[in-house]
Amino acid sequence: MQIKGVDFIWIVADDVDRTARFYRDVLGLPETGIQDDDWREFQAGSVTLAVTPAHVGLQPPKVLVALAVDDVDEALEEARARGIEVLHETRDTPACLNAMIADPEGNPVWLHQRHDGTFG
């Protein structure tokens, strides 16, 4: 599996509006990408910060990173062949293709492929 870079870091928030205001108004990070009730993105240098409620399991993850790959399906099959736990199969969203695997501690790792081919 060839990782191109980090696409985004997921910040789990109980109050998405309040947390988004902090990153936008206090830290001055520009909004980018999708901005809706469930997902806010901010540009922090070359990396995107995504503020969102917990989407995985009952407990928020310790960390969630989205790693850019050229082909999500191929990367997912490689992970599966190595015995890695698959948390969700490939999904197609307006912005990307993504699948999720778990690291040995159970932390989710997104395999992420933006439709426009960019990353970071």
PDB file of N, CA and C in Angstrom:
ATOM      1  N   MET A   1       0.845  -1.170   0.000  1.00  0.00           N
ATOM      2  CA  MET A   1       0.000   0.000   0.000  1.00  0.00           C
ATOM      3  C   MET A   1       0.895   1.239   0.000  1.00  0.00           C
ATOM      4  N   GLN A   2       0.681   2.122  -0.923  1.00  0.00           N
ATOM      5  CA  GLN A   2       1.481   3.345  -1.035  1.00  0.00           C
ATOM      6  C   GLN A   2       0.685   4.523  -0.471  1.00  0.00           C
ATOM      7  N   ILE A   3       1.176   5.101   0.619  1.00  0.00           N
ATOM      8  CA  ILE A   3       0.538   6.266   1.237  1.00  0.00           C
ATOM      9  C   ILE A   3       1.141   7.520   0.621  1.00  0.00           C
ATOM     10  N   LYS A   4       0.284   8.404   0.113  1.00  0.00           N
ATOM     11  CA  LYS A   4       0.737   9.645  -0.515  1.00  0.00           C
ATOM     12  C   LYS A   4       0.927  10.763   0.509  1.00  0.00           C
ATOM     13  N   GLY A   5       0.202  10.722   1.598  1.00  0.00           N
ATOM     14  CA  GLY A   5       0.284  11.770   2.611  1.00  0.00           C
ATOM     15  C   GLY A   5      -0.929  11.721   3.510  1.00  0.00           C
ATOM     16  N   VAL A   6      -1.001  12.671   4.451  1.00  0.00           N
ATOM     17  CA  VAL A   6      -2.142  12.793   5.351  1.00  0.00           C
ATOM     18  C   VAL A   6      -3.160  13.703   4.688  1.00  0.00           C
ATOM     19  N   ASP A   7      -4.397  13.226   4.530  1.00  0.00           N
ATOM     20  CA  ASP A   7      -5.447  14.047   3.941  1.00  0.00           C
ATOM     21  C   ASP A   7      -6.114  14.927   4.991  1.00  0.00           C
ATOM     22  N   PHE A   8      -6.457  14.354   6.127  1.00  0.00           N
ATOM     23  CA  PHE A   8      -7.029  15.178   7.187  1.00  0.00           C
ATOM     24  C   PHE A   8      -6.872  14.496   8.526  1.00  0.00           C
ATOM     25  N   ILE A   9      -7.004  15.309   9.571  1.00  0.00           N
ATOM     26  CA  ILE A   9      -7.025  14.832  10.945  1.00  0.00           C
ATOM     27  C   ILE A   9      -8.427  15.095  11.464  1.00  0.00           C
ATOM     28  N   TRP A  10      -9.030  14.082  12.044  1.00  0.00           N
ATOM     29  CA  TRP A  10     -10.398  14.150  12.525  1.00  0.00           C
ATOM     30  C   TRP A  10     -10.412  14.583  13.979  1.00  0.00           C
ATOM     31  N   ILE A  11     -11.103  15.660  14.271  1.00  0.00           N
ATOM     32  CA  ILE A  11     -11.275  16.163  15.628  1.00  0.00           C
ATOM     33  C   ILE A  11     -12.699  15.835  16.050  1.00  0.00           C
ATOM     34  N   VAL A  12     -12.848  14.938  17.013  1.00  0.00           N
ATOM     35  CA  VAL A  12     -14.168  14.526  17.484  1.00  0.00           C
ATOM     36  C   VAL A  12     -14.690  15.585  18.449  1.00  0.00           C
ATOM     37  N   ALA A  13     -15.913  16.050  18.202  1.00  0.00           N
ATOM     38  CA  ALA A  13     -16.494  17.118  19.011  1.00  0.00           C
ATOM     39  C   ALA A  13     -17.895  16.750  19.467  1.00  0.00           C
ATOM     40  N   ASP A  14     -18.180  16.995  20.744  1.00  0.00           N
ATOM     41  CA  ASP A  14     -19.546  16.845  21.244  1.00  0.00           C
ATOM     42  C   ASP A  14     -20.415  17.986  20.731  1.00  0.00           C
ATOM     43  N   ASP A  15     -19.833  19.175  20.623  1.00  0.00           N
ATOM     44  CA  ASP A  15     -20.546  20.355  20.123  1.00  0.00           C
ATOM     45  C   ASP A  15     -19.789  20.866  18.897  1.00  0.00           C
ATOM     46  N   VAL A  16     -20.234  20.443  17.717  1.00  0.00           N
ATOM     47  CA  VAL A  16     -19.540  20.771  16.472  1.00  0.00           C
ATOM     48  C   VAL A  16     -19.519  22.276  16.245  1.00  0.00           C
ATOM     49  N   ASP A  17     -20.631  22.966  16.494  1.00  0.00           N
ATOM     50  CA  ASP A  17     -20.685  24.414  16.270  1.00  0.00           C
ATOM     51  C   ASP A  17     -19.666  25.150  17.132  1.00  0.00           C
ATOM     52  N   ARG A  18     -19.649  24.844  18.423  1.00  0.00           N
ATOM     53  CA  ARG A  18     -18.720  25.516  19.346  1.00  0.00           C
ATOM     54  C   ARG A  18     -17.267  25.230  18.958  1.00  0.00           C
ATOM     55  N   THR A  19     -16.978  23.979  18.637  1.00  0.00           N
ATOM     56  CA  THR A  19     -15.613  23.608  18.297  1.00  0.00           C
ATOM     57  C   THR A  19     -15.190  24.238  16.975  1.00  0.00           C
ATOM     58  N   ALA A  20     -16.111  24.275  16.006  1.00  0.00           N
ATOM     59  CA  ALA A  20     -15.811  24.915  14.721  1.00  0.00           C
ATOM     60  C   ALA A  20     -15.534  26.404  14.910  1.00  0.00           C
ATOM     61  N   ARG A  21     -16.294  27.069  15.769  1.00  0.00           N
ATOM     62  CA  ARG A  21     -16.044  28.493  16.043  1.00  0.00           C
ATOM     63  C   ARG A  21     -14.638  28.699  16.618  1.00  0.00           C
ATOM     64  N   PHE A  22     -14.191  27.781  17.478  1.00  0.00           N
ATOM     65  CA  PHE A  22     -12.842  27.878  18.044  1.00  0.00           C
ATOM     66  C   PHE A  22     -11.791  27.851  16.936  1.00  0.00           C
ATOM     67  N   TYR A  23     -11.878  26.869  16.051  1.00  0.00           N
ATOM     68  CA  TYR A  23     -10.868  26.750  14.999  1.00  0.00           C
ATOM     69  C   TYR A  23     -10.947  27.903  13.996  1.00  0.00           C
ATOM     70  N   ARG A  24     -12.152  28.382  13.721  1.00  0.00           N
ATOM     71  CA  ARG A  24     -12.330  29.478  12.775  1.00  0.00           C
ATOM     72  C   ARG A  24     -12.052  30.834  13.418  1.00  0.00           C
ATOM     73  N   ASP A  25     -12.705  31.131  14.545  1.00  0.00           N
ATOM     74  CA  ASP A  25     -12.677  32.479  15.119  1.00  0.00           C
ATOM     75  C   ASP A  25     -11.505  32.722  16.058  1.00  0.00           C
ATOM     76  N   VAL A  26     -11.124  31.714  16.835  1.00  0.00           N
ATOM     77  CA  VAL A  26     -10.023  31.893  17.788  1.00  0.00           C
ATOM     78  C   VAL A  26      -8.681  31.640  17.110  1.00  0.00           C
ATOM     79  N   LEU A  27      -8.572  30.517  16.409  1.00  0.00           N
ATOM     80  CA  LEU A  27      -7.298  30.186  15.759  1.00  0.00           C
ATOM     81  C   LEU A  27      -7.163  30.819  14.381  1.00  0.00           C
ATOM     82  N   GLY A  28      -8.265  31.269  13.804  1.00  0.00           N
ATOM     83  CA  GLY A  28      -8.219  31.954  12.516  1.00  0.00           C
ATOM     84  C   GLY A  28      -7.978  31.054  11.325  1.00  0.00           C
ATOM     85  N   LEU A  29      -8.311  29.762  11.445  1.00  0.00           N
ATOM     86  CA  LEU A  29      -8.111  28.845  10.322  1.00  0.00           C
ATOM     87  C   LEU A  29      -9.218  29.038   9.295  1.00  0.00           C
ATOM     88  N   PRO A  30      -8.870  29.124   8.027  1.00  0.00           N
ATOM     89  CA  PRO A  30      -9.889  29.294   7.001  1.00  0.00           C
ATOM     90  C   PRO A  30     -10.703  28.019   6.802  1.00  0.00           C
ATOM     91  N   GLU A  31     -12.005  28.206   6.574  1.00  0.00           N
ATOM     92  CA  GLU A  31     -12.869  27.081   6.248  1.00  0.00           C
ATOM     93  C   GLU A  31     -12.559  26.600   4.839  1.00  0.00           C
ATOM     94  N   THR A  32     -12.699  25.306   4.635  1.00  0.00           N
ATOM     95  CA  THR A  32     -12.475  24.726   3.327  1.00  0.00           C
ATOM     96  C   THR A  32     -13.333  23.486   3.200  1.00  0.00           C
ATOM     97  N   GLY A  33     -13.556  23.021   1.997  1.00  0.00           N
ATOM     98  CA  GLY A  33     -14.292  21.776   1.811  1.00  0.00           C
ATOM     99  C   GLY A  33     -15.727  21.858   2.272  1.00  0.00           C
ATOM    100  N   ILE A  34     -16.219  20.743   2.807  1.00  0.00           N
ATOM    101  CA  ILE A  34     -17.614  20.606   3.196  1.00  0.00           C
ATOM    102  C   ILE A  34     -17.863  21.324   4.518  1.00  0.00           C
ATOM    103  N   GLN A  35     -18.939  22.100   4.555  1.00  0.00           N
ATOM    104  CA  GLN A  35     -19.375  22.781   5.772  1.00  0.00           C
ATOM    105  C   GLN A  35     -20.859  22.470   5.946  1.00  0.00           C
ATOM    106  N   ASP A  36     -21.193  21.499   6.805  1.00  0.00           N
ATOM    107  CA  ASP A  36     -22.596  21.222   7.070  1.00  0.00           C
ATOM    108  C   ASP A  36     -22.769  20.921   8.553  1.00  0.00           C
ATOM    109  N   ASP A  37     -23.947  20.478   8.957  1.00  0.00           N
ATOM    110  CA  ASP A  37     -24.227  20.236  10.378  1.00  0.00           C
ATOM    111  C   ASP A  37     -23.333  19.165  10.975  1.00  0.00           C
ATOM    112  N   ASP A  38     -22.821  18.283  10.132  1.00  0.00           N
ATOM    113  CA  ASP A  38     -22.115  17.101  10.590  1.00  0.00           C
ATOM    114  C   ASP A  38     -20.621  17.099  10.262  1.00  0.00           C
ATOM    115  N   TRP A  39     -20.147  18.111   9.536  1.00  0.00           N
ATOM    116  CA  TRP A  39     -18.759  18.077   9.070  1.00  0.00           C
ATOM    117  C   TRP A  39     -18.293  19.488   8.760  1.00  0.00           C
ATOM    118  N   ARG A  40     -17.219  19.934   9.424  1.00  0.00           N
ATOM    119  CA  ARG A  40     -16.621  21.241   9.154  1.00  0.00           C
ATOM    120  C   ARG A  40     -15.137  21.022   8.890  1.00  0.00           C
ATOM    121  N   GLU A  41     -14.626  21.651   7.857  1.00  0.00           N
ATOM    122  CA  GLU A  41     -13.205  21.508   7.527  1.00  0.00           C
ATOM    123  C   GLU A  41     -12.502  22.849   7.624  1.00  0.00           C
ATOM    124  N   PHE A  42     -11.243  22.794   8.078  1.00  0.00           N
ATOM    125  CA  PHE A  42     -10.394  23.972   8.209  1.00  0.00           C
ATOM    126  C   PHE A  42      -9.011  23.641   7.684  1.00  0.00           C
ATOM    127  N   GLN A  43      -8.375  24.615   7.031  1.00  0.00           N
ATOM    128  CA  GLN A  43      -7.037  24.407   6.495  1.00  0.00           C
ATOM    129  C   GLN A  43      -6.014  24.841   7.524  1.00  0.00           C
ATOM    130  N   ALA A  44      -5.121  23.936   7.880  1.00  0.00           N
ATOM    131  CA  ALA A  44      -4.034  24.208   8.819  1.00  0.00           C
ATOM    132  C   ALA A  44      -2.732  23.898   8.092  1.00  0.00           C
ATOM    133  N   GLY A  45      -2.215  24.891   7.389  1.00  0.00           N
ATOM    134  CA  GLY A  45      -1.045  24.645   6.549  1.00  0.00           C
ATOM    135  C   GLY A  45      -1.429  23.713   5.424  1.00  0.00           C
ATOM    136  N   SER A  46      -0.698  22.610   5.293  1.00  0.00           N
ATOM    137  CA  SER A  46      -0.972  21.678   4.198  1.00  0.00           C
ATOM    138  C   SER A  46      -1.915  20.546   4.604  1.00  0.00           C
ATOM    139  N   VAL A  47      -2.437  20.588   5.832  1.00  0.00           N
ATOM    140  CA  VAL A  47      -3.304  19.522   6.325  1.00  0.00           C
ATOM    141  C   VAL A  47      -4.677  20.091   6.667  1.00  0.00           C
ATOM    142  N   THR A  48      -5.705  19.338   6.381  1.00  0.00           N
ATOM    143  CA  THR A  48      -7.073  19.708   6.719  1.00  0.00           C
ATOM    144  C   THR A  48      -7.421  19.148   8.094  1.00  0.00           C
ATOM    145  N   LEU A  49      -8.093  19.957   8.912  1.00  0.00           N
ATOM    146  CA  LEU A  49      -8.674  19.496  10.167  1.00  0.00           C
ATOM    147  C   LEU A  49     -10.167  19.358   9.938  1.00  0.00           C
ATOM    148  N   ALA A  50     -10.728  18.218  10.261  1.00  0.00           N
ATOM    149  CA  ALA A  50     -12.161  17.974  10.115  1.00  0.00           C
ATOM    150  C   ALA A  50     -12.773  17.879  11.503  1.00  0.00           C
ATOM    151  N   VAL A  51     -13.742  18.749  11.785  1.00  0.00           N
ATOM    152  CA  VAL A  51     -14.444  18.749  13.067  1.00  0.00           C
ATOM    153  C   VAL A  51     -15.794  18.089  12.841  1.00  0.00           C
ATOM    154  N   THR A  52     -16.063  17.030  13.605  1.00  0.00           N
ATOM    155  CA  THR A  52     -17.263  16.235  13.386  1.00  0.00           C
ATOM    156  C   THR A  52     -17.607  15.466  14.659  1.00  0.00           C
ATOM    157  N   PRO A  53     -18.860  15.069  14.822  1.00  0.00           N
ATOM    158  CA  PRO A  53     -19.177  14.180  15.944  1.00  0.00           C
ATOM    159  C   PRO A  53     -18.598  12.792  15.694  1.00  0.00           C
ATOM    160  N   ALA A  54     -18.551  11.988  16.729  1.00  0.00           N
ATOM    161  CA  ALA A  54     -18.044  10.619  16.599  1.00  0.00           C
ATOM    162  C   ALA A  54     -18.920   9.840  15.628  1.00  0.00           C
ATOM    163  N   HIS A  55     -18.299   9.143  14.689  1.00  0.00           N
ATOM    164  CA  HIS A  55     -19.015   8.330  13.713  1.00  0.00           C
ATOM    165  C   HIS A  55     -18.691   6.847  13.855  1.00  0.00           C
ATOM    166  N   VAL A  56     -17.709   6.522  14.653  1.00  0.00           N
ATOM    167  CA  VAL A  56     -17.215   5.156  14.701  1.00  0.00           C
ATOM    168  C   VAL A  56     -17.440   4.589  16.094  1.00  0.00           C
ATOM    169  N   GLY A  57     -18.209   3.528  16.199  1.00  0.00           N
ATOM    170  CA  GLY A  57     -18.385   2.839  17.470  1.00  0.00           C
ATOM    171  C   GLY A  57     -19.081   3.692  18.516  1.00  0.00           C
ATOM    172  N   LEU A  58     -19.059   3.212  19.728  1.00  0.00           N
ATOM    173  CA  LEU A  58     -19.711   3.916  20.829  1.00  0.00           C
ATOM    174  C   LEU A  58     -18.789   4.899  21.516  1.00  0.00           C
ATOM    175  N   GLN A  59     -17.502   4.630  21.505  1.00  0.00           N
ATOM    176  CA  GLN A  59     -16.517   5.503  22.134  1.00  0.00           C
ATOM    177  C   GLN A  59     -15.746   6.246  21.055  1.00  0.00           C
ATOM    178  N   PRO A  60     -15.479   7.554  21.262  1.00  0.00           N
ATOM    179  CA  PRO A  60     -14.652   8.261  20.276  1.00  0.00           C
ATOM    180  C   PRO A  60     -13.265   7.621  20.188  1.00  0.00           C
ATOM    181  N   PRO A  61     -12.686   7.622  19.002  1.00  0.00           N
ATOM    182  CA  PRO A  61     -11.335   7.068  18.857  1.00  0.00           C
ATOM    183  C   PRO A  61     -10.317   7.962  19.556  1.00  0.00           C
ATOM    184  N   LYS A  62      -9.154   7.392  19.860  1.00  0.00           N
ATOM    185  CA  LYS A  62      -8.057   8.188  20.408  1.00  0.00           C
ATOM    186  C   LYS A  62      -7.565   9.168  19.356  1.00  0.00           C
ATOM    187  N   VAL A  63      -7.516   8.694  18.138  1.00  0.00           N
ATOM    188  CA  VAL A  63      -7.086   9.525  17.013  1.00  0.00           C
ATOM    189  C   VAL A  63      -7.676   8.905  15.755  1.00  0.00           C
ATOM    190  N   LEU A  64      -7.922   9.740  14.774  1.00  0.00           N
ATOM    191  CA  LEU A  64      -8.322   9.223  13.472  1.00  0.00           C
ATOM    192  C   LEU A  64      -7.581  10.031  12.439  1.00  0.00           C
ATOM    193  N   VAL A  65      -6.892   9.338  11.562  1.00  0.00           N
ATOM    194  CA  VAL A  65      -6.158   9.994  10.490  1.00  0.00           C
ATOM    195  C   VAL A  65      -6.648   9.423   9.166  1.00  0.00           C
ATOM    196  N   ALA A  66      -6.741  10.289   8.186  1.00  0.00           N
ATOM    197  CA  ALA A  66      -7.120   9.859   6.840  1.00  0.00           C
ATOM    198  C   ALA A  66      -5.875   9.883   5.973  1.00  0.00           C
ATOM    199  N   LEU A  67      -5.487   8.730   5.486  1.00  0.00           N
ATOM    200  CA  LEU A  67      -4.282   8.604   4.676  1.00  0.00           C
ATOM    201  C   LEU A  67      -4.659   8.530   3.205  1.00  0.00           C
ATOM    202  N   ALA A  68      -4.040   9.378   2.417  1.00  0.00           N
ATOM    203  CA  ALA A  68      -4.335   9.447   0.980  1.00  0.00           C
ATOM    204  C   ALA A  68      -3.691   8.272   0.266  1.00  0.00           C
ATOM    205  N   VAL A  69      -4.486   7.618  -0.565  1.00  0.00           N
ATOM    206  CA  VAL A  69      -4.003   6.524  -1.405  1.00  0.00           C
ATOM    207  C   VAL A  69      -4.482   6.764  -2.834  1.00  0.00           C
ATOM    208  N   ASP A  70      -3.819   6.120  -3.793  1.00  0.00           N
ATOM    209  CA  ASP A  70      -4.224   6.251  -5.195  1.00  0.00           C
ATOM    210  C   ASP A  70      -5.490   5.469  -5.505  1.00  0.00           C
ATOM    211  N   ASP A  71      -5.701   4.339  -4.808  1.00  0.00           N
ATOM    212  CA  ASP A  71      -6.833   3.469  -5.096  1.00  0.00           C
ATOM    213  C   ASP A  71      -7.329   2.857  -3.787  1.00  0.00           C
ATOM    214  N   VAL A  72      -8.472   3.344  -3.295  1.00  0.00           N
ATOM    215  CA  VAL A  72      -9.007   2.880  -2.017  1.00  0.00           C
ATOM    216  C   VAL A  72      -9.302   1.383  -2.051  1.00  0.00           C
ATOM    217  N   ASP A  73      -9.938   0.909  -3.100  1.00  0.00           N
ATOM    218  CA  ASP A  73     -10.295  -0.514  -3.165  1.00  0.00           C
ATOM    219  C   ASP A  73      -9.055  -1.405  -3.118  1.00  0.00           C
ATOM    220  N   GLU A  74      -8.033  -1.008  -3.846  1.00  0.00           N
ATOM    221  CA  GLU A  74      -6.785  -1.788  -3.858  1.00  0.00           C
ATOM    222  C   GLU A  74      -6.128  -1.773  -2.474  1.00  0.00           C
ATOM    223  N   ALA A  75      -6.083  -0.609  -1.829  1.00  0.00           N
ATOM    224  CA  ALA A  75      -5.484  -0.502  -0.501  1.00  0.00           C
ATOM    225  C   ALA A  75      -6.277  -1.321   0.519  1.00  0.00           C
ATOM    226  N   LEU A  76      -7.599  -1.300   0.405  1.00  0.00           N
ATOM    227  CA  LEU A  76      -8.439  -2.069   1.325  1.00  0.00           C
ATOM    228  C   LEU A  76      -8.197  -3.566   1.151  1.00  0.00           C
ATOM    229  N   GLU A  77      -8.087  -4.020  -0.074  1.00  0.00           N
ATOM    230  CA  GLU A  77      -7.831  -5.438  -0.316  1.00  0.00           C
ATOM    231  C   GLU A  77      -6.454  -5.852   0.199  1.00  0.00           C
ATOM    232  N   GLU A  78      -5.480  -4.973   0.061  1.00  0.00           N
ATOM    233  CA  GLU A  78      -4.145  -5.262   0.600  1.00  0.00           C
ATOM    234  C   GLU A  78      -4.197  -5.386   2.117  1.00  0.00           C
ATOM    235  N   ALA A  79      -4.910  -4.473   2.768  1.00  0.00           N
ATOM    236  CA  ALA A  79      -5.050  -4.532   4.230  1.00  0.00           C
ATOM    237  C   ALA A  79      -5.754  -5.824   4.648  1.00  0.00           C
ATOM    238  N   ARG A  80      -6.835  -6.154   3.950  1.00  0.00           N
ATOM    239  CA  ARG A  80      -7.600  -7.368   4.260  1.00  0.00           C
ATOM    240  C   ARG A  80      -6.708  -8.607   4.111  1.00  0.00           C
ATOM    241  N   ALA A  81      -5.880  -8.647   3.063  1.00  0.00           N
ATOM    242  CA  ALA A  81      -4.985  -9.785   2.828  1.00  0.00           C
ATOM    243  C   ALA A  81      -3.957  -9.931   3.946  1.00  0.00           C
ATOM    244  N   ARG A  82      -3.658  -8.842   4.624  1.00  0.00           N
ATOM    245  CA  ARG A  82      -2.705  -8.878   5.738  1.00  0.00           C
ATOM    246  C   ARG A  82      -3.386  -9.153   7.073  1.00  0.00           C
ATOM    247  N   GLY A  83      -4.697  -9.402   7.038  1.00  0.00           N
ATOM    248  CA  GLY A  83      -5.420  -9.724   8.258  1.00  0.00           C
ATOM    249  C   GLY A  83      -5.843  -8.516   9.076  1.00  0.00           C
ATOM    250  N   ILE A  84      -5.809  -7.335   8.476  1.00  0.00           N
ATOM    251  CA  ILE A  84      -6.194  -6.108   9.178  1.00  0.00           C
ATOM    252  C   ILE A  84      -7.715  -6.046   9.279  1.00  0.00           C
ATOM    253  N   GLU A  85      -8.206  -5.629  10.433  1.00  0.00           N
ATOM    254  CA  GLU A  85      -9.653  -5.498  10.638  1.00  0.00           C
ATOM    255  C   GLU A  85     -10.215  -4.378   9.763  1.00  0.00           C
ATOM    256  N   VAL A  86     -11.269  -4.670   9.054  1.00  0.00           N
ATOM    257  CA  VAL A  86     -11.957  -3.684   8.223  1.00  0.00           C
ATOM    258  C   VAL A  86     -13.151  -3.161   9.013  1.00  0.00           C
ATOM    259  N   LEU A  87     -13.178  -1.844   9.228  1.00  0.00           N
ATOM    260  CA  LEU A  87     -14.279  -1.226   9.974  1.00  0.00           C
ATOM    261  C   LEU A  87     -15.428  -0.822   9.065  1.00  0.00           C
ATOM    262  N   HIS A  88     -15.116  -0.409   7.853  1.00  0.00           N
ATOM    263  CA  HIS A  88     -16.164  -0.232   6.850  1.00  0.00           C
ATOM    264  C   HIS A  88     -15.579  -0.339   5.456  1.00  0.00           C
ATOM    265  N   GLU A  89     -16.417  -0.860   4.570  1.00  0.00           N
ATOM    266  CA  GLU A  89     -16.053  -1.049   3.173  1.00  0.00           C
ATOM    267  C   GLU A  89     -15.999   0.302   2.470  1.00  0.00           C
ATOM    268  N   THR A  90     -15.557   0.295   1.233  1.00  0.00           N
ATOM    269  CA  THR A  90     -15.437   1.520   0.442  1.00  0.00           C
ATOM    270  C   THR A  90     -16.792   2.205   0.309  1.00  0.00           C
ATOM    271  N   ARG A  91     -16.780   3.514   0.574  1.00  0.00           N
ATOM    272  CA  ARG A  91     -17.961   4.358   0.390  1.00  0.00           C
ATOM    273  C   ARG A  91     -17.600   5.469  -0.581  1.00  0.00           C
ATOM    274  N   ASP A  92     -18.585   5.873  -1.346  1.00  0.00           N
ATOM    275  CA  ASP A  92     -18.414   6.967  -2.301  1.00  0.00           C
ATOM    276  C   ASP A  92     -19.213   8.158  -1.775  1.00  0.00           C
ATOM    277  N   THR A  93     -18.532   9.276  -1.497  1.00  0.00           N
ATOM    278  CA  THR A  93     -19.187  10.498  -1.031  1.00  0.00           C
ATOM    279  C   THR A  93     -19.025  11.567  -2.110  1.00  0.00           C
ATOM    280  N   PRO A  94     -19.665  12.707  -1.962  1.00  0.00           N
ATOM    281  CA  PRO A  94     -19.470  13.764  -2.958  1.00  0.00           C
ATOM    282  C   PRO A  94     -18.008  14.197  -3.113  1.00  0.00           C
ATOM    283  N   ALA A  95     -17.204  14.072  -2.055  1.00  0.00           N
ATOM    284  CA  ALA A  95     -15.824  14.544  -2.097  1.00  0.00           C
ATOM    285  C   ALA A  95     -14.792  13.453  -2.336  1.00  0.00           C
ATOM    286  N   CYS A  96     -15.126  12.197  -1.974  1.00  0.00           N
ATOM    287  CA  CYS A  96     -14.070  11.182  -1.972  1.00  0.00           C
ATOM    288  C   CYS A  96     -14.620   9.776  -1.979  1.00  0.00           C
ATOM    289  N   LEU A  97     -13.690   8.837  -2.167  1.00  0.00           N
ATOM    290  CA  LEU A  97     -13.913   7.429  -1.846  1.00  0.00           C
ATOM    291  C   LEU A  97     -13.173   7.186  -0.538  1.00  0.00           C
ATOM    292  N   ASN A  98     -13.755   6.395   0.370  1.00  0.00           N
ATOM    293  CA  ASN A  98     -13.051   6.092   1.609  1.00  0.00           C
ATOM    294  C   ASN A  98     -13.471   4.739   2.143  1.00  0.00           C
ATOM    295  N   ALA A  99     -12.554   4.114   2.832  1.00  0.00           N
ATOM    296  CA  ALA A  99     -12.787   2.876   3.562  1.00  0.00           C
ATOM    297  C   ALA A  99     -12.073   3.035   4.898  1.00  0.00           C
ATOM    298  N   MET A 100     -12.391   2.187   5.859  1.00  0.00           N
ATOM    299  CA  MET A 100     -11.775   2.342   7.171  1.00  0.00           C
ATOM    300  C   MET A 100     -11.284   0.999   7.684  1.00  0.00           C
ATOM    301  N   ILE A 101     -10.041   1.014   8.169  1.00  0.00           N
ATOM    302  CA  ILE A 101      -9.437  -0.150   8.803  1.00  0.00           C
ATOM    303  C   ILE A 101      -9.067   0.236  10.227  1.00  0.00           C
ATOM    304  N   ALA A 102      -8.640  -0.733  11.028  1.00  0.00           N
ATOM    305  CA  ALA A 102      -8.247  -0.466  12.414  1.00  0.00           C
ATOM    306  C   ALA A 102      -6.770  -0.754  12.595  1.00  0.00           C
ATOM    307  N   ASP A 103      -6.109   0.109  13.392  1.00  0.00           N
ATOM    308  CA  ASP A 103      -4.734  -0.192  13.780  1.00  0.00           C
ATOM    309  C   ASP A 103      -4.777  -1.222  14.921  1.00  0.00           C
ATOM    310  N   PRO A 104      -3.622  -1.708  15.406  1.00  0.00           N
ATOM    311  CA  PRO A 104      -3.640  -2.739  16.441  1.00  0.00           C
ATOM    312  C   PRO A 104      -4.319  -2.322  17.746  1.00  0.00           C
ATOM    313  N   GLU A 105      -4.424  -1.013  17.998  1.00  0.00           N
ATOM    314  CA  GLU A 105      -5.104  -0.522  19.200  1.00  0.00           C
ATOM    315  C   GLU A 105      -6.597  -0.320  18.968  1.00  0.00           C
ATOM    316  N   GLY A 106      -7.047  -0.570  17.754  1.00  0.00           N
ATOM    317  CA  GLY A 106      -8.450  -0.384  17.427  1.00  0.00           C
ATOM    318  C   GLY A 106      -8.788   1.006  16.921  1.00  0.00           C
ATOM    319  N   ASN A 107      -7.775   1.873  16.784  1.00  0.00           N
ATOM    320  CA  ASN A 107      -8.019   3.209  16.252  1.00  0.00           C
ATOM    321  C   ASN A 107      -8.357   3.124  14.772  1.00  0.00           C
ATOM    322  N   PRO A 108      -9.368   3.871  14.342  1.00  0.00           N
ATOM    323  CA  PRO A 108      -9.724   3.847  12.933  1.00  0.00           C
ATOM    324  C   PRO A 108      -8.710   4.597  12.077  1.00  0.00           C
ATOM    325  N   VAL A 109      -8.430   4.051  10.906  1.00  0.00           N
ATOM    326  CA  VAL A 109      -7.560   4.679   9.916  1.00  0.00           C
ATOM    327  C   VAL A 109      -8.336   4.701   8.602  1.00  0.00           C
ATOM    328  N   TRP A 110      -8.571   5.912   8.090  1.00  0.00           N
ATOM    329  CA  TRP A 110      -9.280   6.033   6.815  1.00  0.00           C
ATOM    330  C   TRP A 110      -8.300   5.872   5.673  1.00  0.00           C
ATOM    331  N   LEU A 111      -8.681   5.075   4.706  1.00  0.00           N
ATOM    332  CA  LEU A 111      -7.998   5.021   3.420  1.00  0.00           C
ATOM    333  C   LEU A 111      -8.813   5.953   2.535  1.00  0.00           C
ATOM    334  N   HIS A 112      -8.190   6.997   2.014  1.00  0.00           N
ATOM    335  CA  HIS A 112      -8.924   8.142   1.465  1.00  0.00           C
ATOM    336  C   HIS A 112      -8.422   8.492   0.078  1.00  0.00           C
ATOM    337  N   GLN A 113      -9.363   8.695  -0.842  1.00  0.00           N
ATOM    338  CA  GLN A 113      -9.029   9.046  -2.227  1.00  0.00           C
ATOM    339  C   GLN A 113      -9.975  10.154  -2.670  1.00  0.00           C
ATOM    340  N   ARG A 114      -9.473  11.382  -2.745  1.00  0.00           N
ATOM    341  CA  ARG A 114     -10.309  12.499  -3.193  1.00  0.00           C
ATOM    342  C   ARG A 114     -10.639  12.338  -4.667  1.00  0.00           C
ATOM    343  N   HIS A 115     -11.875  12.700  -5.027  1.00  0.00           N
ATOM    344  CA  HIS A 115     -12.282  12.591  -6.432  1.00  0.00           C
ATOM    345  C   HIS A 115     -11.454  13.489  -7.345  1.00  0.00           C
ATOM    346  N   ASP A 116     -10.980  14.623  -6.808  1.00  0.00           N
ATOM    347  CA  ASP A 116     -10.204  15.533  -7.670  1.00  0.00           C
ATOM    348  C   ASP A 116      -8.726  15.156  -7.760  1.00  0.00           C
ATOM    349  N   GLY A 117      -8.325  14.071  -7.066  1.00  0.00           N
ATOM    350  CA  GLY A 117      -6.958  13.587  -7.154  1.00  0.00           C
ATOM    351  C   GLY A 117      -5.961  14.277  -6.243  1.00  0.00           C
ATOM    352  N   THR A 118      -6.382  15.321  -5.524  1.00  0.00           N
ATOM    353  CA  THR A 118      -5.466  16.032  -4.640  1.00  0.00           C
ATOM    354  C   THR A 118      -5.357  15.307  -3.316  1.00  0.00           C
ATOM    355  N   PHE A 119      -4.404  15.733  -2.509  1.00  0.00           N
ATOM    356  CA  PHE A 119      -4.308  15.241  -1.130  1.00  0.00           C
ATOM    357  C   PHE A 119      -3.603  16.293  -0.300  1.00  0.00           C
ATOM    358  N   GLY A 120      -3.693  16.128   1.003  1.00  0.00           N
ATOM    359  CA  GLY A 120      -3.009  17.040   1.930  1.00  0.00           C
ATOM    360  C   GLY A 120      -3.873  18.148   2.439  1.00  0.00           C
TER     361      GLY A 120
END
